[in-house]
Each structure stands twice: as structure tokens, then as C-alpha cells.
Amino acid sequence: MASIDIYTKQTCPFCHRAKALLDQKGVKYHEIAIDNDSDKRAEMIDRSQRTTVPQIFIGQHHVGGCDDLFALEQRAELDPLLNA
């Protein structure tokens, strides 16, 4: 099972949707809350080159945001990534 990092903010509805999909898949993930944490936010930007949340990493693969995660699911490409 691949390791999953997801950068989030508490008030972000897209973060909640992405986590709900991962929960539905029954996978464990490491949530990194960037609320009021400028170091974690800087880390997220450095890793993803993006400033929006969520930012999702499966193993070393940068998935992107919530829409990207759902697109992988629709194309049946998410499960192989999760099981890598």
C-alpha cells in the first residue's frame, strides 16, 4: 500500500471531499493541516508548486487536488496507484 500525504485546511470543502473518497477506499493517509502553519504551507508549495488545498501525494506521485483525485477514480487509475 502506497503512503498518502494530503495537505488540508479545516474549512476547505474540497479537502473534505478528497478525504471522504480516500475513507471510502479504506486507505490510511497522513493529513497535514496547514491552517496557521506557515512552515507546512511552505512545504506544500515546495512539493507541489501549487498554493491551493488539498494537495495530494500518493507515494512520490503528486496527484494534485480534489478534482484530480476524482478524475483518477473515474478513469479507474486511482486503485492501482493506491495499491502500488
N, C-alpha and C. Protein backbone atom coordinates (compact mmCIF):
# COMPACT_ATOMS: atom_id res chain seq x y z
N MET A 1 0.86 -1.19 0.00
CA MET A 1 0.00 0.00 0.00
C MET A 1 0.90 1.25 0.00
N ALA A 2 0.60 2.17 -0.90
CA ALA A 2 1.38 3.39 -1.02
C ALA A 2 1.09 4.33 0.15
N SER A 3 2.08 5.13 0.53
CA SER A 3 1.85 6.14 1.55
C SER A 3 1.14 7.33 0.89
N ILE A 4 0.24 7.95 1.64
CA ILE A 4 -0.55 9.06 1.12
C ILE A 4 -0.40 10.25 2.04
N ASP A 5 -0.01 11.38 1.48
CA ASP A 5 0.02 12.66 2.20
C ASP A 5 -1.03 13.55 1.58
N ILE A 6 -1.81 14.22 2.42
CA ILE A 6 -2.80 15.17 1.94
C ILE A 6 -2.72 16.44 2.78
N TYR A 7 -2.39 17.54 2.11
CA TYR A 7 -2.32 18.86 2.77
C TYR A 7 -3.72 19.45 2.75
N THR A 8 -4.19 19.91 3.91
CA THR A 8 -5.57 20.37 4.04
C THR A 8 -5.68 21.64 4.88
N LYS A 9 -6.88 22.22 4.80
CA LYS A 9 -7.34 23.27 5.73
C LYS A 9 -8.69 22.81 6.24
N GLN A 10 -8.98 23.12 7.50
CA GLN A 10 -10.22 22.68 8.13
C GLN A 10 -11.47 23.15 7.40
N THR A 11 -11.44 24.37 6.88
CA THR A 11 -12.64 24.97 6.29
C THR A 11 -12.79 24.68 4.80
N CYS A 12 -11.94 23.83 4.25
CA CYS A 12 -11.94 23.57 2.81
C CYS A 12 -12.88 22.42 2.44
N PRO A 13 -13.97 22.71 1.70
CA PRO A 13 -14.90 21.63 1.33
C PRO A 13 -14.26 20.61 0.38
N PHE A 14 -13.32 21.04 -0.45
CA PHE A 14 -12.65 20.12 -1.37
C PHE A 14 -11.76 19.14 -0.60
N CYS A 15 -11.18 19.61 0.49
CA CYS A 15 -10.38 18.74 1.36
C CYS A 15 -11.26 17.65 1.95
N HIS A 16 -12.45 18.04 2.40
CA HIS A 16 -13.38 17.07 2.99
C HIS A 16 -13.83 16.04 1.95
N ARG A 17 -14.06 16.48 0.72
CA ARG A 17 -14.47 15.55 -0.35
C ARG A 17 -13.35 14.57 -0.67
N ALA A 18 -12.13 15.08 -0.77
CA ALA A 18 -10.99 14.21 -1.09
C ALA A 18 -10.78 13.18 0.02
N LYS A 19 -10.84 13.62 1.27
CA LYS A 19 -10.67 12.69 2.39
C LYS A 19 -11.80 11.67 2.42
N ALA A 20 -13.02 12.09 2.08
CA ALA A 20 -14.15 11.17 2.07
C ALA A 20 -13.94 10.06 1.03
N LEU A 21 -13.39 10.41 -0.13
CA LEU A 21 -13.12 9.40 -1.15
C LEU A 21 -12.05 8.42 -0.65
N LEU A 22 -11.01 8.94 -0.05
CA LEU A 22 -9.96 8.08 0.49
C LEU A 22 -10.50 7.19 1.61
N ASP A 23 -11.37 7.76 2.46
CA ASP A 23 -12.00 6.97 3.53
C ASP A 23 -12.86 5.86 2.92
N GLN A 24 -13.60 6.20 1.87
CA GLN A 24 -14.46 5.22 1.20
C GLN A 24 -13.62 4.07 0.64
N LYS A 25 -12.41 4.40 0.19
CA LYS A 25 -11.50 3.38 -0.34
C LYS A 25 -10.86 2.55 0.78
N GLY A 26 -11.02 3.01 2.02
CA GLY A 26 -10.48 2.28 3.16
C GLY A 26 -8.97 2.40 3.30
N VAL A 27 -8.41 3.49 2.78
CA VAL A 27 -6.96 3.66 2.87
C VAL A 27 -6.62 4.65 3.98
N LYS A 28 -5.46 4.44 4.57
CA LYS A 28 -4.97 5.36 5.59
C LYS A 28 -4.15 6.44 4.90
N TYR A 29 -4.25 7.65 5.42
CA TYR A 29 -3.48 8.76 4.86
C TYR A 29 -2.96 9.63 5.99
N HIS A 30 -1.93 10.38 5.66
CA HIS A 30 -1.32 11.30 6.61
C HIS A 30 -1.83 12.70 6.26
N GLU A 31 -2.69 13.23 7.11
CA GLU A 31 -3.24 14.57 6.88
C GLU A 31 -2.29 15.60 7.47
N ILE A 32 -1.93 16.58 6.64
CA ILE A 32 -1.04 17.64 7.07
C ILE A 32 -1.83 18.95 6.99
N ALA A 33 -2.30 19.39 8.16
CA ALA A 33 -3.10 20.62 8.23
C ALA A 33 -2.18 21.83 8.13
N ILE A 34 -2.50 22.72 7.20
CA ILE A 34 -1.65 23.90 7.03
C ILE A 34 -2.29 25.15 7.64
N ASP A 35 -3.45 24.98 8.29
CA ASP A 35 -4.08 26.13 8.96
C ASP A 35 -3.10 26.75 9.94
N ASN A 36 -2.83 28.02 9.78
CA ASN A 36 -1.96 28.76 10.70
C ASN A 36 -0.57 28.13 10.87
N ASP A 37 -0.09 27.40 9.88
CA ASP A 37 1.24 26.79 9.94
C ASP A 37 2.00 27.14 8.67
N SER A 38 2.69 28.25 8.73
CA SER A 38 3.38 28.75 7.53
C SER A 38 4.49 27.80 7.06
N ASP A 39 5.11 27.06 7.98
CA ASP A 39 6.14 26.11 7.58
C ASP A 39 5.55 24.96 6.77
N LYS A 40 4.42 24.41 7.21
CA LYS A 40 3.77 23.32 6.48
C LYS A 40 3.22 23.81 5.15
N ARG A 41 2.72 25.06 5.12
CA ARG A 41 2.23 25.63 3.87
C ARG A 41 3.38 25.77 2.88
N ALA A 42 4.52 26.26 3.35
CA ALA A 42 5.71 26.41 2.50
C ALA A 42 6.18 25.04 2.00
N GLU A 43 6.13 24.04 2.86
CA GLU A 43 6.50 22.68 2.48
C GLU A 43 5.59 22.17 1.35
N MET A 44 4.28 22.43 1.49
CA MET A 44 3.31 22.01 0.48
C MET A 44 3.61 22.67 -0.86
N ILE A 45 3.85 23.97 -0.83
CA ILE A 45 4.13 24.72 -2.07
C ILE A 45 5.42 24.22 -2.70
N ASP A 46 6.41 23.94 -1.88
CA ASP A 46 7.68 23.43 -2.39
C ASP A 46 7.50 22.08 -3.07
N ARG A 47 6.71 21.21 -2.46
CA ARG A 47 6.48 19.87 -3.02
C ARG A 47 5.59 19.89 -4.26
N SER A 48 4.56 20.74 -4.25
CA SER A 48 3.54 20.67 -5.31
C SER A 48 3.63 21.78 -6.34
N GLN A 49 4.31 22.86 -6.00
CA GLN A 49 4.35 24.06 -6.85
C GLN A 49 2.96 24.69 -6.98
N ARG A 50 2.08 24.40 -6.02
CA ARG A 50 0.72 24.94 -6.01
C ARG A 50 0.42 25.53 -4.64
N THR A 51 -0.52 26.48 -4.61
CA THR A 51 -0.85 27.17 -3.35
C THR A 51 -2.23 26.80 -2.82
N THR A 52 -2.97 25.99 -3.56
CA THR A 52 -4.34 25.64 -3.14
C THR A 52 -4.35 24.29 -2.43
N VAL A 53 -5.39 24.09 -1.61
CA VAL A 53 -5.59 22.81 -0.94
C VAL A 53 -6.86 22.16 -1.46
N PRO A 54 -6.95 20.85 -1.40
CA PRO A 54 -5.91 19.95 -0.93
C PRO A 54 -4.82 19.74 -1.98
N GLN A 55 -3.67 19.32 -1.51
CA GLN A 55 -2.62 18.80 -2.39
C GLN A 55 -2.36 17.38 -1.92
N ILE A 56 -2.45 16.46 -2.85
CA ILE A 56 -2.42 15.04 -2.52
C ILE A 56 -1.23 14.37 -3.18
N PHE A 57 -0.52 13.58 -2.40
CA PHE A 57 0.62 12.80 -2.88
C PHE A 57 0.37 11.34 -2.55
N ILE A 58 0.49 10.48 -3.55
CA ILE A 58 0.41 9.04 -3.34
C ILE A 58 1.78 8.49 -3.67
N GLY A 59 2.48 8.03 -2.65
CA GLY A 59 3.89 7.68 -2.83
C GLY A 59 4.63 8.94 -3.24
N GLN A 60 5.41 8.87 -4.29
CA GLN A 60 6.13 10.04 -4.79
C GLN A 60 5.35 10.76 -5.88
N HIS A 61 4.16 10.25 -6.23
CA HIS A 61 3.34 10.82 -7.30
C HIS A 61 2.49 11.97 -6.76
N HIS A 62 2.64 13.14 -7.35
CA HIS A 62 1.79 14.29 -6.99
C HIS A 62 0.50 14.18 -7.78
N VAL A 63 -0.58 13.86 -7.09
CA VAL A 63 -1.88 13.72 -7.73
C VAL A 63 -2.42 15.08 -8.11
N GLY A 64 -2.31 16.04 -7.21
CA GLY A 64 -2.90 17.36 -7.40
C GLY A 64 -3.96 17.58 -6.36
N GLY A 65 -5.09 18.16 -6.79
CA GLY A 65 -6.16 18.49 -5.87
C GLY A 65 -7.31 17.51 -5.90
N CYS A 66 -8.43 17.92 -5.35
CA CYS A 66 -9.62 17.08 -5.24
C CYS A 66 -10.12 16.65 -6.61
N ASP A 67 -10.26 17.57 -7.54
CA ASP A 67 -10.74 17.22 -8.88
C ASP A 67 -9.82 16.22 -9.56
N ASP A 68 -8.52 16.37 -9.35
CA ASP A 68 -7.55 15.45 -9.93
C ASP A 68 -7.73 14.05 -9.35
N LEU A 69 -7.97 13.98 -8.04
CA LEU A 69 -8.18 12.69 -7.37
C LEU A 69 -9.43 12.01 -7.92
N PHE A 70 -10.52 12.75 -8.06
CA PHE A 70 -11.76 12.19 -8.58
C PHE A 70 -11.62 11.80 -10.06
N ALA A 71 -10.82 12.55 -10.82
CA ALA A 71 -10.58 12.19 -12.22
C ALA A 71 -9.85 10.85 -12.31
N LEU A 72 -8.87 10.64 -11.43
CA LEU A 72 -8.18 9.35 -11.39
C LEU A 72 -9.17 8.22 -11.09
N GLU A 73 -10.06 8.47 -10.16
CA GLU A 73 -11.07 7.47 -9.79
C GLU A 73 -11.97 7.16 -10.99
N GLN A 74 -12.41 8.18 -11.70
CA GLN A 74 -13.30 7.98 -12.86
C GLN A 74 -12.61 7.19 -13.97
N ARG A 75 -11.31 7.37 -14.12
CA ARG A 75 -10.56 6.67 -15.16
C ARG A 75 -10.05 5.31 -14.67
N ALA A 76 -10.47 4.91 -13.47
CA ALA A 76 -10.04 3.64 -12.86
C ALA A 76 -8.52 3.56 -12.70
N GLU A 77 -7.90 4.72 -12.46
CA GLU A 77 -6.45 4.77 -12.27
C GLU A 77 -6.05 4.98 -10.81
N LEU A 78 -7.03 5.23 -9.94
CA LEU A 78 -6.72 5.51 -8.54
C LEU A 78 -6.32 4.24 -7.78
N ASP A 79 -7.10 3.18 -7.93
CA ASP A 79 -6.80 1.95 -7.19
C ASP A 79 -5.40 1.40 -7.47
N PRO A 80 -4.96 1.36 -8.74
CA PRO A 80 -3.58 0.88 -8.98
C PRO A 80 -2.52 1.75 -8.27
N LEU A 81 -2.74 3.06 -8.22
CA LEU A 81 -1.82 3.94 -7.51
C LEU A 81 -1.81 3.64 -6.02
N LEU A 82 -3.00 3.46 -5.46
CA LEU A 82 -3.13 3.20 -4.03
C LEU A 82 -2.49 1.87 -3.65
N ASN A 83 -2.55 0.91 -4.54
CA ASN A 83 -2.05 -0.43 -4.24
C ASN A 83 -0.61 -0.66 -4.67
N ALA A 84 0.03 0.37 -5.17
CA ALA A 84 1.42 0.24 -5.65
C ALA A 84 2.37 -0.03 -4.49
